Amino acid sequence: MNWAYIAGFFDGEGCLSLHTTRMNISIYQSGAIGEQVLREIGAWLSTKGIESIMYHRNRTDKLSKKELWEVRLNKRASQLKFLSGVLPFIRVKKVLAQDCVRYYTMFPPNNWWMYGTGRIGEENRVVWRND
C-alpha cells in the first residue's frame, strides 16, 4: 500500500468537507470486502502516524441491505498529514483539499470551547422551545 493507492481510493470513494470550524475526511465502503480494505487502509495510516476511527452502520432500512463501513479522520493533525500525503496524487478533490489545507494554515486551532465549563455536552446544550 502507498500514498498513490490511498489517494485513488479516497478520490473515488472518499468524502472531504469543510465546515466553519472543522473539516471532515471519510472513506466509505460496503460489504465484507469493503470492511477488509478499510481495515487495511486504517492500519496503513496508523503506521504513518495518522489516527483514524472505523465506524459501522447496518442499513436495513435502505434499498441496499449491505453493511456500510467508514474510516474517518477526526483530528486536525491527522487530517493535515493525510492531505499532505494524498495531495500529489488526487485529481477530483484536489482543489477542495488545497482549500482545506490553506484554511487550516490561515486559522490555527481555536480552542474557545475548552474554556469555561469545558466541552459542550448534553448537560450544557440549549434547547429552544415554543411553549
Protein backbone atom coordinates (compact mmCIF):
# COMPACT_ATOMS: atom_id res chain seq x y z
CA MET A 1 0.00 0.00 0.00
CA ASN A 2 1.23 3.51 -0.79
CA TRP A 3 0.02 7.11 -0.99
CA ALA A 4 -0.95 6.79 -4.65
CA TYR A 5 -3.28 3.85 -3.88
CA ILE A 6 -4.80 5.65 -0.88
CA ALA A 7 -5.25 8.81 -2.94
CA GLY A 8 -7.02 6.96 -5.75
CA PHE A 9 -9.29 5.21 -3.29
CA PHE A 10 -10.02 8.49 -1.48
CA ASP A 11 -10.62 10.36 -4.74
CA GLY A 12 -13.22 7.81 -5.81
CA GLU A 13 -14.83 6.67 -2.56
CA GLY A 14 -13.94 9.37 -0.06
CA CYS A 15 -15.66 12.43 1.28
CA LEU A 16 -13.99 15.74 2.12
CA SER A 17 -16.00 18.62 3.53
CA LEU A 18 -15.04 21.88 5.19
CA HIS A 19 -17.34 23.47 7.76
CA THR A 20 -16.96 26.72 9.67
CA THR A 21 -14.90 25.19 12.49
CA ARG A 22 -13.73 21.81 11.26
CA MET A 23 -13.01 19.52 8.34
CA ASN A 24 -14.42 16.03 7.76
CA ILE A 25 -12.45 13.34 5.94
CA SER A 26 -14.07 9.93 5.42
CA ILE A 27 -13.82 6.90 3.15
CA TYR A 28 -16.88 4.66 2.73
CA GLN A 29 -17.29 1.06 1.62
CA SER A 30 -19.98 -1.58 1.91
CA GLY A 31 -19.85 -5.33 2.38
CA ALA A 32 -17.24 -7.68 3.79
CA ILE A 33 -14.58 -6.90 1.19
CA GLY A 34 -15.07 -3.18 1.79
CA GLU A 35 -14.58 -3.73 5.52
CA GLN A 36 -11.34 -5.62 4.90
CA VAL A 37 -9.99 -2.92 2.57
CA LEU A 38 -10.84 -0.13 5.03
CA ARG A 39 -9.21 -2.03 7.91
CA GLU A 40 -6.03 -2.34 5.83
CA ILE A 41 -6.15 1.36 4.97
CA GLY A 42 -6.66 2.29 8.63
CA ALA A 43 -3.74 0.08 9.68
CA TRP A 44 -1.50 1.60 7.00
CA LEU A 45 -2.47 5.13 8.02
CA SER A 46 -1.57 4.35 11.64
CA THR A 47 1.95 3.38 10.53
CA LYS A 48 2.22 6.94 9.16
CA GLY A 49 1.10 8.45 12.48
CA ILE A 50 -2.43 9.19 11.24
CA GLU A 51 -5.20 8.40 13.69
CA SER A 52 -8.43 7.10 12.17
CA ILE A 53 -11.65 5.65 13.53
CA MET A 54 -13.71 2.92 11.87
CA TYR A 55 -17.49 3.12 12.02
CA HIS A 56 -20.08 0.51 11.09
CA ARG A 57 -23.73 1.01 10.19
CA ASN A 58 -26.43 -1.53 9.41
CA ARG A 59 -28.51 -0.33 6.51
CA THR A 60 -31.60 -2.46 6.97
CA ASP A 61 -33.90 0.48 6.23
CA LYS A 62 -32.33 1.17 2.82
CA LEU A 63 -32.88 -0.49 -0.53
CA SER A 64 -29.37 -1.93 -0.37
CA LYS A 65 -29.14 -4.19 2.70
CA LYS A 66 -25.33 -4.22 2.76
CA GLU A 67 -23.49 -3.06 5.85
CA LEU A 68 -21.74 0.30 5.50
CA TRP A 69 -18.19 0.85 6.79
CA GLU A 70 -16.46 4.18 7.21
CA VAL A 71 -12.92 5.24 8.08
CA ARG A 72 -12.99 8.77 9.49
CA LEU A 73 -10.16 11.14 10.36
CA ASN A 74 -11.26 13.46 13.15
CA LYS A 75 -8.09 15.04 14.49
CA ARG A 76 -6.69 18.12 12.80
CA ALA A 77 -3.09 16.87 12.81
CA SER A 78 -4.12 13.55 11.25
CA GLN A 79 -6.20 15.33 8.62
CA LEU A 80 -3.28 17.56 7.61
CA LYS A 81 -0.86 14.61 7.44
CA PHE A 82 -3.34 12.69 5.33
CA LEU A 83 -3.92 15.57 2.92
CA SER A 84 -0.19 16.23 2.54
CA GLY A 85 0.26 12.56 1.61
CA VAL A 86 -2.56 12.34 -0.94
CA LEU A 87 -2.37 15.84 -2.48
CA PRO A 88 0.27 14.97 -5.11
CA PHE A 89 -1.94 12.14 -6.42
CA ILE A 90 -5.60 13.19 -6.17
CA ARG A 91 -7.41 14.79 -9.09
CA VAL A 92 -11.14 15.09 -8.36
CA LYS A 93 -10.86 16.51 -4.83
CA LYS A 94 -7.57 18.36 -5.36
CA VAL A 95 -8.88 21.95 -5.26
CA LEU A 96 -11.03 21.29 -2.19
CA ALA A 97 -8.11 19.56 -0.44
CA GLN A 98 -5.84 22.52 -1.19
CA ASP A 99 -8.52 24.88 0.15
CA CYS A 100 -8.76 22.83 3.35
CA VAL A 101 -5.01 22.92 3.89
CA ARG A 102 -4.97 26.69 3.29
CA TYR A 103 -7.89 27.16 5.70
CA TYR A 104 -6.16 25.18 8.45
CA THR A 105 -2.94 27.10 7.83
CA MET A 106 -4.62 30.51 7.96
CA PHE A 107 -6.74 29.68 11.00
CA PRO A 108 -4.84 27.75 13.68
CA PRO A 109 -6.82 25.72 16.23
CA ASN A 110 -9.36 27.79 18.10
CA ASN A 111 -9.99 26.17 21.45
CA TRP A 112 -12.71 28.55 22.59
CA TRP A 113 -14.91 25.61 23.50
CA MET A 114 -12.33 24.34 26.03
CA TYR A 115 -12.70 27.30 28.38
CA GLY A 116 -15.36 27.88 30.99
CA THR A 117 -17.46 24.82 31.66
CA GLY A 118 -15.48 22.55 29.35
CA ARG A 119 -16.78 20.74 26.30
CA ILE A 120 -20.35 21.43 25.42
CA GLY A 121 -22.30 18.26 26.07
CA GLU A 122 -25.89 17.30 26.63
CA GLU A 123 -25.96 18.93 30.07
CA ASN A 124 -24.88 22.30 28.65
CA ARG A 125 -26.92 22.29 25.47
CA VAL A 126 -29.52 24.99 24.98
CA VAL A 127 -32.85 23.72 23.71
CA TRP A 128 -35.20 26.25 22.14
CA ARG A 129 -38.89 25.59 22.65
CA ASN A 130 -42.10 27.26 21.59
CA ASP A 131 -44.19 26.65 24.71
